[in-house]
PDB file of N, CA and C in Angstrom:
ATOM      1  N   UNK A   1      53.438  90.338 -11.833  1.00  0.00           N
ATOM      2  CA  UNK A   1      52.349  90.969 -11.890  1.00  0.00           C
ATOM      3  C   UNK A   1      52.387  90.969 -13.378  1.00  0.00           C
ATOM      4  N   UNK A   2      51.058  91.099 -13.915  1.00  0.00           N
ATOM      5  CA  UNK A   2      50.996  91.079 -15.340  1.00  0.00           C
ATOM      6  C   UNK A   2      50.024  89.834 -16.046  1.00  0.00           C
ATOM      7  N   UNK A   3      50.069  89.986 -17.249  1.00  0.00           N
ATOM      8  CA  UNK A   3      48.844  88.823 -17.650  1.00  0.00           C
ATOM      9  C   UNK A   3      49.838  87.652 -18.083  1.00  0.00           C
ATOM     10  N   UNK A   4      49.241  86.372 -17.970  1.00  0.00           N
ATOM     11  CA  UNK A   4      49.896  85.287 -18.049  1.00  0.00           C
ATOM     12  C   UNK A   4      48.916  84.513 -19.182  1.00  0.00           C
ATOM     13  N   UNK A   5      49.122  84.380 -20.377  1.00  0.00           N
ATOM     14  CA  UNK A   5      48.410  83.702 -21.331  1.00  0.00           C
ATOM     15  C   UNK A   5      48.599  82.224 -21.336  1.00  0.00           C
ATOM     16  N   UNK A   6      47.585  81.533 -21.532  1.00  0.00           N
ATOM     17  CA  UNK A   6      47.810  79.969 -21.950  1.00  0.00           C
ATOM     18  C   UNK A   6      48.607  79.972 -23.072  1.00  0.00           C
ATOM     19  N   UNK A   7      49.127  78.650 -23.121  1.00  0.00           N
ATOM     20  CA  UNK A   7      50.115  78.297 -24.361  1.00  0.00           C
ATOM     21  C   UNK A   7      49.250  78.467 -25.599  1.00  0.00           C
ATOM     22  N   UNK A   8      49.762  79.078 -26.644  1.00  0.00           N
ATOM     23  CA  UNK A   8      48.901  79.479 -27.946  1.00  0.00           C
ATOM     24  C   UNK A   8      48.504  78.025 -28.558  1.00  0.00           C
ATOM     25  N   UNK A   9      47.196  78.064 -28.946  1.00  0.00           N
ATOM     26  CA  UNK A   9      46.745  76.790 -29.740  1.00  0.00           C
ATOM     27  C   UNK A   9      47.251  76.748 -30.884  1.00  0.00           C
ATOM     28  N   UNK A  10      46.573  75.618 -31.752  1.00  0.00           N
ATOM     29  CA  UNK A  10      47.146  75.634 -33.033  1.00  0.00           C
ATOM     30  C   UNK A  10      46.484  76.932 -34.043  1.00  0.00           C
ATOM     31  N   UNK A  11      45.515  77.445 -33.435  1.00  0.00           N
ATOM     32  CA  UNK A  11      44.831  78.279 -34.558  1.00  0.00           C
ATOM     33  C   UNK A  11      45.261  79.712 -34.153  1.00  0.00           C
ATOM     34  N   UNK A  12      46.600  80.051 -33.077  1.00  0.00           N
ATOM     35  CA  UNK A  12      46.843  81.119 -33.132  1.00  0.00           C
ATOM     36  C   UNK A  12      47.759  81.494 -34.433  1.00  0.00           C
ATOM     37  N   UNK A  13      47.664  82.743 -34.636  1.00  0.00           N
ATOM     38  CA  UNK A  13      48.346  83.343 -35.948  1.00  0.00           C
ATOM     39  C   UNK A  13      49.712  83.110 -35.737  1.00  0.00           C
ATOM     40  N   UNK A  14      50.474  82.987 -34.537  1.00  0.00           N
ATOM     41  CA  UNK A  14      52.023  82.690 -34.497  1.00  0.00           C
ATOM     42  C   UNK A  14      52.446  81.734 -35.506  1.00  0.00           C
ATOM     43  N   UNK A  15      51.310  80.784 -35.482  1.00  0.00           N
ATOM     44  CA  UNK A  15      51.937  79.392 -36.105  1.00  0.00           C
ATOM     45  C   UNK A  15      51.344  79.425 -37.882  1.00  0.00           C
ATOM     46  N   UNK A  16      50.831  80.558 -38.162  1.00  0.00           N
ATOM     47  CA  UNK A  16      50.537  81.033 -39.279  1.00  0.00           C
ATOM     48  C   UNK A  16      49.122  80.433 -39.480  1.00  0.00           C
ATOM     49  N   UNK A  17      48.541  80.588 -40.824  1.00  0.00           N
ATOM     50  CA  UNK A  17      46.900  80.085 -41.144  1.00  0.00           C
ATOM     51  C   UNK A  17      46.850  78.795 -41.790  1.00  0.00           C
ATOM     52  N   UNK A  18      45.977  78.131 -41.230  1.00  0.00           N
ATOM     53  CA  UNK A  18      45.885  76.558 -41.651  1.00  0.00           C
ATOM     54  C   UNK A  18      44.341  76.716 -41.832  1.00  0.00           C
ATOM     55  N   UNK A  19      43.744  76.034 -42.807  1.00  0.00           N
ATOM     56  CA  UNK A  19      42.199  75.647 -43.069  1.00  0.00           C
ATOM     57  C   UNK A  19      41.901  74.592 -41.921  1.00  0.00           C
ATOM     58  N   UNK A  20      42.955  73.788 -41.568  1.00  0.00           N
ATOM     59  CA  UNK A  20      42.597  72.640 -40.689  1.00  0.00           C
ATOM     60  C   UNK A  20      42.270  73.394 -39.112  1.00  0.00           C
ATOM     61  N   UNK A  21      42.339  74.528 -38.809  1.00  0.00           N
ATOM     62  CA  UNK A  21      42.161  75.211 -37.587  1.00  0.00           C
ATOM     63  C   UNK A  21      41.019  75.977 -37.623  1.00  0.00           C
ATOM     64  N   UNK A  22      40.286  76.171 -38.962  1.00  0.00           N
ATOM     65  CA  UNK A  22      39.229  77.212 -38.987  1.00  0.00           C
ATOM     66  C   UNK A  22      37.699  76.313 -38.922  1.00  0.00           C
ATOM     67  N   UNK A  23      36.900  76.902 -38.298  1.00  0.00           N
ATOM     68  CA  UNK A  23      35.775  76.099 -37.919  1.00  0.00           C
ATOM     69  C   UNK A  23      34.689  77.064 -38.606  1.00  0.00           C
ATOM     70  N   UNK A  24      33.108  76.575 -38.739  1.00  0.00           N
ATOM     71  CA  UNK A  24      32.209  77.284 -39.155  1.00  0.00           C
ATOM     72  C   UNK A  24      31.820  78.320 -38.152  1.00  0.00           C
ATOM     73  N   UNK A  25      31.973  77.989 -36.694  1.00  0.00           N
ATOM     74  CA  UNK A  25      31.841  78.952 -35.732  1.00  0.00           C
ATOM     75  C   UNK A  25      32.470  78.587 -34.403  1.00  0.00           C
ATOM     76  N   UNK A  26      32.843  79.433 -33.462  1.00  0.00           N
ATOM     77  CA  UNK A  26      33.396  79.102 -32.457  1.00  0.00           C
ATOM     78  C   UNK A  26      32.313  78.781 -31.191  1.00  0.00           C
ATOM     79  N   UNK A  27      32.615  77.869 -30.338  1.00  0.00           N
ATOM     80  CA  UNK A  27      31.838  77.330 -29.349  1.00  0.00           C
ATOM     81  C   UNK A  27      32.487  76.992 -28.006  1.00  0.00           C
ATOM     82  N   UNK A  28      32.051  76.741 -27.137  1.00  0.00           N
ATOM     83  CA  UNK A  28      32.904  76.483 -25.878  1.00  0.00           C
ATOM     84  C   UNK A  28      33.556  75.380 -26.007  1.00  0.00           C
ATOM     85  N   UNK A  29      33.215  74.423 -26.713  1.00  0.00           N
ATOM     86  CA  UNK A  29      34.195  73.202 -26.695  1.00  0.00           C
ATOM     87  C   UNK A  29      35.234  73.296 -27.944  1.00  0.00           C
ATOM     88  N   UNK A  30      35.084  74.295 -28.813  1.00  0.00           N
ATOM     89  CA  UNK A  30      36.186  74.302 -29.577  1.00  0.00           C
ATOM     90  C   UNK A  30      36.989  75.473 -29.685  1.00  0.00           C
ATOM     91  N   UNK A  31      36.946  76.560 -29.013  1.00  0.00           N
ATOM     92  CA  UNK A  31      37.648  77.838 -28.810  1.00  0.00           C
ATOM     93  C   UNK A  31      38.958  77.655 -28.370  1.00  0.00           C
ATOM     94  N   UNK A  32      39.681  76.863 -27.816  1.00  0.00           N
ATOM     95  CA  UNK A  32      40.929  76.367 -27.668  1.00  0.00           C
ATOM     96  C   UNK A  32      41.733  76.141 -29.055  1.00  0.00           C
ATOM     97  N   UNK A  33      40.826  75.515 -29.787  1.00  0.00           N
ATOM     98  CA  UNK A  33      41.838  74.862 -31.067  1.00  0.00           C
ATOM     99  C   UNK A  33      41.462  75.498 -32.188  1.00  0.00           C
ATOM    100  N   UNK A  34      40.120  76.246 -32.666  1.00  0.00           N
ATOM    101  CA  UNK A  34      39.652  76.545 -33.727  1.00  0.00           C
ATOM    102  C   UNK A  34      39.404  78.129 -33.572  1.00  0.00           C
ATOM    103  N   UNK A  35      39.643  78.685 -35.267  1.00  0.00           N
ATOM    104  CA  UNK A  35      39.405  80.037 -35.313  1.00  0.00           C
ATOM    105  C   UNK A  35      38.188  80.086 -36.375  1.00  0.00           C
ATOM    106  N   UNK A  36      37.863  81.327 -36.796  1.00  0.00           N
ATOM    107  CA  UNK A  36      36.610  81.570 -37.749  1.00  0.00           C
ATOM    108  C   UNK A  36      37.181  82.635 -38.676  1.00  0.00           C
ATOM    109  N   UNK A  37      36.576  82.503 -39.837  1.00  0.00           N
ATOM    110  CA  UNK A  37      36.872  83.717 -40.654  1.00  0.00           C
ATOM    111  C   UNK A  37      35.375  84.527 -40.795  1.00  0.00           C
ATOM    112  N   UNK A  38      35.407  85.694 -40.760  1.00  0.00           N
ATOM    113  CA  UNK A  38      34.274  86.684 -41.009  1.00  0.00           C
ATOM    114  C   UNK A  38      34.658  87.784 -41.805  1.00  0.00           C
ATOM    115  N   UNK A  39      34.151  87.962 -43.179  1.00  0.00           N
ATOM    116  CA  UNK A  39      34.514  89.451 -43.789  1.00  0.00           C
ATOM    117  C   UNK A  39      35.825  89.169 -44.082  1.00  0.00           C
ATOM    118  N   UNK A  40      36.623  88.164 -44.332  1.00  0.00           N
ATOM    119  CA  UNK A  40      38.233  87.995 -44.555  1.00  0.00           C
ATOM    120  C   UNK A  40      39.008  88.453 -43.291  1.00  0.00           C
ATOM    121  N   UNK A  41      38.244  88.098 -42.201  1.00  0.00           N
ATOM    122  CA  UNK A  41      39.188  88.577 -40.721  1.00  0.00           C
ATOM    123  C   UNK A  41      39.123  87.276 -40.146  1.00  0.00           C
ATOM    124  N   UNK A  42      40.470  86.928 -39.735  1.00  0.00           N
ATOM    125  CA  UNK A  42      40.637  85.740 -39.048  1.00  0.00           C
ATOM    126  C   UNK A  42      40.356  85.898 -37.667  1.00  0.00           C
ATOM    127  N   UNK A  43      39.910  85.457 -36.829  1.00  0.00           N
ATOM    128  CA  UNK A  43      39.326  85.698 -35.423  1.00  0.00           C
ATOM    129  C   UNK A  43      39.607  84.502 -34.487  1.00  0.00           C
ATOM    130  N   UNK A  44      40.128  84.445 -33.551  1.00  0.00           N
ATOM    131  CA  UNK A  44      40.415  83.485 -32.604  1.00  0.00           C
ATOM    132  C   UNK A  44      40.424  84.272 -30.942  1.00  0.00           C
ATOM    133  N   UNK A  45      40.185  83.133 -30.073  1.00  0.00           N
ATOM    134  CA  UNK A  45      40.148  83.568 -28.574  1.00  0.00           C
ATOM    135  C   UNK A  45      41.203  82.824 -27.844  1.00  0.00           C
ATOM    136  N   UNK A  46      41.671  83.977 -27.013  1.00  0.00           N
ATOM    137  CA  UNK A  46      42.739  83.335 -26.049  1.00  0.00           C
ATOM    138  C   UNK A  46      42.552  83.709 -24.618  1.00  0.00           C
ATOM    139  N   UNK A  47      42.710  82.635 -23.817  1.00  0.00           N
ATOM    140  CA  UNK A  47      42.642  83.042 -22.186  1.00  0.00           C
ATOM    141  C   UNK A  47      43.955  83.419 -21.712  1.00  0.00           C
ATOM    142  N   UNK A  48      43.624  84.424 -20.673  1.00  0.00           N
ATOM    143  CA  UNK A  48      44.907  84.986 -19.859  1.00  0.00           C
ATOM    144  C   UNK A  48      44.448  85.307 -18.460  1.00  0.00           C
ATOM    145  N   UNK A  49      45.464  85.273 -17.635  1.00  0.00           N
ATOM    146  CA  UNK A  49      45.221  85.393 -16.077  1.00  0.00           C
ATOM    147  C   UNK A  49      46.047  86.602 -15.691  1.00  0.00           C
ATOM    148  N   UNK A  50      45.330  87.463 -15.044  1.00  0.00           N
ATOM    149  CA  UNK A  50      46.092  88.612 -14.320  1.00  0.00           C
ATOM    150  C   UNK A  50      46.608  87.974 -13.020  1.00  0.00           C
ATOM    151  N   UNK A  51      47.668  88.287 -12.716  1.00  0.00           N
ATOM    152  CA  UNK A  51      48.255  87.874 -11.582  1.00  0.00           C
ATOM    153  C   UNK A  51      48.948  89.184 -10.871  1.00  0.00           C
ATOM    154  N   UNK A  52      48.109  90.087 -10.393  1.00  0.00           N
ATOM    155  CA  UNK A  52      48.162  91.051  -9.549  1.00  0.00           C
ATOM    156  C   UNK A  52      47.502  90.960  -7.914  1.00  0.00           C
ATOM    157  N   UNK A  53      47.350  92.176  -7.597  1.00  0.00           N
ATOM    158  CA  UNK A  53      46.617  92.122  -6.070  1.00  0.00           C
ATOM    159  C   UNK A  53      45.217  91.477  -6.237  1.00  0.00           C
ATOM    160  N   UNK A  54      44.642  91.751  -7.347  1.00  0.00           N
ATOM    161  CA  UNK A  54      43.221  91.015  -7.725  1.00  0.00           C
ATOM    162  C   UNK A  54      43.499  89.887  -8.914  1.00  0.00           C
ATOM    163  N   UNK A  55      43.413  88.825  -8.435  1.00  0.00           N
ATOM    164  CA  UNK A  55      43.671  87.819  -9.678  1.00  0.00           C
ATOM    165  C   UNK A  55      42.247  87.771 -10.253  1.00  0.00           C
ATOM    166  N   UNK A  56      42.216  87.497 -11.880  1.00  0.00           N
ATOM    167  CA  UNK A  56      41.188  87.634 -12.498  1.00  0.00           C
ATOM    168  C   UNK A  56      41.759  86.851 -13.820  1.00  0.00           C
ATOM    169  N   UNK A  57      40.630  86.284 -14.485  1.00  0.00           N
ATOM    170  CA  UNK A  57      40.692  85.497 -15.914  1.00  0.00           C
ATOM    171  C   UNK A  57      39.842  86.438 -16.917  1.00  0.00           C
ATOM    172  N   UNK A  58      40.701  86.813 -18.201  1.00  0.00           N
ATOM    173  CA  UNK A  58      39.939  87.332 -19.303  1.00  0.00           C
ATOM    174  C   UNK A  58      40.036  86.535 -20.255  1.00  0.00           C
ATOM    175  N   UNK A  59      39.445  86.763 -21.327  1.00  0.00           N
ATOM    176  CA  UNK A  59      39.559  86.337 -22.636  1.00  0.00           C
ATOM    177  C   UNK A  59      39.552  87.350 -23.803  1.00  0.00           C
ATOM    178  N   UNK A  60      40.407  87.002 -24.545  1.00  0.00           N
ATOM    179  CA  UNK A  60      40.702  88.042 -25.493  1.00  0.00           C
ATOM    180  C   UNK A  60      40.461  87.509 -26.958  1.00  0.00           C
ATOM    181  N   UNK A  61      39.641  88.333 -27.472  1.00  0.00           N
ATOM    182  CA  UNK A  61      39.181  87.937 -29.020  1.00  0.00           C
ATOM    183  C   UNK A  61      40.275  88.718 -29.889  1.00  0.00           C
ATOM    184  N   UNK A  62      40.934  88.007 -30.811  1.00  0.00           N
ATOM    185  CA  UNK A  62      41.921  88.716 -31.621  1.00  0.00           C
ATOM    186  C   UNK A  62      41.236  88.993 -33.095  1.00  0.00           C
ATOM    187  N   UNK A  63      41.531  89.815 -33.712  1.00  0.00           N
ATOM    188  CA  UNK A  63      41.001  89.851 -35.053  1.00  0.00           C
ATOM    189  C   UNK A  63      42.353  90.327 -36.077  1.00  0.00           C
ATOM    190  N   UNK A  64      42.526  89.497 -36.758  1.00  0.00           N
ATOM    191  CA  UNK A  64      43.763  89.713 -37.744  1.00  0.00           C
ATOM    192  C   UNK A  64      43.231  89.903 -39.194  1.00  0.00           C
ATOM    193  N   UNK A  65      43.636  90.937 -39.895  1.00  0.00           N
ATOM    194  CA  UNK A  65      43.231  91.083 -41.149  1.00  0.00           C
ATOM    195  C   UNK A  65      44.282  90.936 -42.252  1.00  0.00           C
ATOM    196  N   UNK A  66      45.461  90.760 -42.027  1.00  0.00           N
ATOM    197  CA  UNK A  66      46.473  90.557 -42.753  1.00  0.00           C
ATOM    198  C   UNK A  66      48.005  91.261 -42.223  1.00  0.00           C
ATOM    199  N   UNK A  67      48.776  90.833 -42.571  1.00  0.00           N
ATOM    200  CA  UNK A  67      50.322  91.571 -42.391  1.00  0.00           C
ATOM    201  C   UNK A  67      50.350  93.042 -42.353  1.00  0.00           C
ATOM    202  N   UNK A  68      49.502  93.593 -43.284  1.00  0.00           N
ATOM    203  CA  UNK A  68      49.619  95.142 -43.592  1.00  0.00           C
ATOM    204  C   UNK A  68      48.625  95.601 -42.648  1.00  0.00           C
ATOM    205  N   UNK A  69      47.842  95.125 -41.550  1.00  0.00           N
ATOM    206  CA  UNK A  69      46.865  95.605 -40.724  1.00  0.00           C
ATOM    207  C   UNK A  69      47.477  95.472 -39.525  1.00  0.00           C
ATOM    208  N   UNK A  70      46.749  96.054 -38.473  1.00  0.00           N
ATOM    209  CA  UNK A  70      47.508  95.908 -37.198  1.00  0.00           C
ATOM    210  C   UNK A  70      46.322  95.159 -36.644  1.00  0.00           C
ATOM    211  N   UNK A  71      46.907  94.074 -36.056  1.00  0.00           N
ATOM    212  CA  UNK A  71      46.099  93.179 -35.045  1.00  0.00           C
ATOM    213  C   UNK A  71      45.214  93.915 -33.809  1.00  0.00           C
ATOM    214  N   UNK A  72      43.902  93.653 -33.805  1.00  0.00           N
ATOM    215  CA  UNK A  72      43.191  94.369 -32.742  1.00  0.00           C
ATOM    216  C   UNK A  72      42.692  93.242 -31.729  1.00  0.00           C
ATOM    217  N   UNK A  73      42.498  93.542 -30.762  1.00  0.00           N
ATOM    218  CA  UNK A  73      41.834  92.768 -29.581  1.00  0.00           C
ATOM    219  C   UNK A  73      41.019  93.241 -28.791  1.00  0.00           C
ATOM    220  N   UNK A  74      39.961  92.393 -28.215  1.00  0.00           N
ATOM    221  CA  UNK A  74      38.853  92.976 -27.184  1.00  0.00           C
ATOM    222  C   UNK A  74      39.058  91.953 -26.120  1.00  0.00           C
ATOM    223  N   UNK A  75      38.858  92.627 -24.835  1.00  0.00           N
ATOM    224  CA  UNK A  75      38.837  91.837 -23.542  1.00  0.00           C
ATOM    225  C   UNK A  75      37.678  91.489 -23.197  1.00  0.00           C
ATOM    226  N   UNK A  76      37.169  90.299 -22.495  1.00  0.00           N
ATOM    227  CA  UNK A  76      35.996  89.718 -22.216  1.00  0.00           C
ATOM    228  C   UNK A  76      36.093  89.271 -20.839  1.00  0.00           C
ATOM    229  N   UNK A  77      35.408  89.446 -19.704  1.00  0.00           N
ATOM    230  CA  UNK A  77      35.474  88.570 -18.362  1.00  0.00           C
ATOM    231  C   UNK A  77      34.987  87.196 -18.721  1.00  0.00           C
ATOM    232  N   UNK A  78      33.839  86.806 -19.617  1.00  0.00           N
ATOM    233  CA  UNK A  78      32.812  85.836 -19.553  1.00  0.00           C
ATOM    234  C   UNK A  78      33.327  85.135 -21.097  1.00  0.00           C
ATOM    235  N   UNK A  79      33.844  83.819 -20.981  1.00  0.00           N
ATOM    236  CA  UNK A  79      34.106  83.232 -22.434  1.00  0.00           C
ATOM    237  C   UNK A  79      32.804  83.289 -23.245  1.00  0.00           C
ATOM    238  N   UNK A  80      31.469  83.162 -22.894  1.00  0.00           N
ATOM    239  CA  UNK A  80      30.354  83.205 -23.497  1.00  0.00           C
ATOM    240  C   UNK A  80      30.515  84.495 -24.088  1.00  0.00           C
ATOM    241  N   UNK A  81      30.518  85.808 -23.808  1.00  0.00           N
ATOM    242  CA  UNK A  81      30.639  87.052 -24.198  1.00  0.00           C
ATOM    243  C   UNK A  81      31.629  87.041 -25.428  1.00  0.00           C
ATOM    244  N   UNK A  82      32.885  86.421 -25.154  1.00  0.00           N
ATOM    245  CA  UNK A  82      33.882  86.444 -26.123  1.00  0.00           C
ATOM    246  C   UNK A  82      33.215  85.558 -27.465  1.00  0.00           C
ATOM    247  N   UNK A  83      32.671  84.604 -27.177  1.00  0.00           N
ATOM    248  CA  UNK A  83      32.380  83.795 -28.465  1.00  0.00           C
ATOM    249  C   UNK A  83      31.373  84.430 -28.950  1.00  0.00           C
ATOM    250  N   UNK A  84      30.323  85.085 -28.442  1.00  0.00           N
ATOM    251  CA  UNK A  84      29.487  85.790 -28.998  1.00  0.00           C
ATOM    252  C   UNK A  84      29.876  86.909 -29.988  1.00  0.00           C
ATOM    253  N   UNK A  85      30.865  87.586 -29.596  1.00  0.00           N
ATOM    254  CA  UNK A  85      31.434  88.848 -30.491  1.00  0.00           C
ATOM    255  C   UNK A  85      32.366  88.183 -31.566  1.00  0.00           C
ATOM    256  N   UNK A  86      32.852  87.150 -31.223  1.00  0.00           N
ATOM    257  CA  UNK A  86      33.572  86.554 -32.453  1.00  0.00           C
ATOM    258  C   UNK A  86      32.766  85.962 -33.424  1.00  0.00           C
TER     259      UNK A  86
END
């Protein structure tokens, strides 16, 4: 039981920041490989599946302000909602 995340895409902060992975906006076609910058905040989306009694898929929007700040995330059940918030 627990969350099972997809493999991290190239835009994930785990691999560091790269301008090659930054897009002007996130869409349903690029969210797996691109991130965006808004007001000096690095934002990307990750998908995860809950494998408990009730299986479900969620999309997590991550907000990264830098190493000195705690990374925040918000959970959404629909990809479109996650894209709108990002």
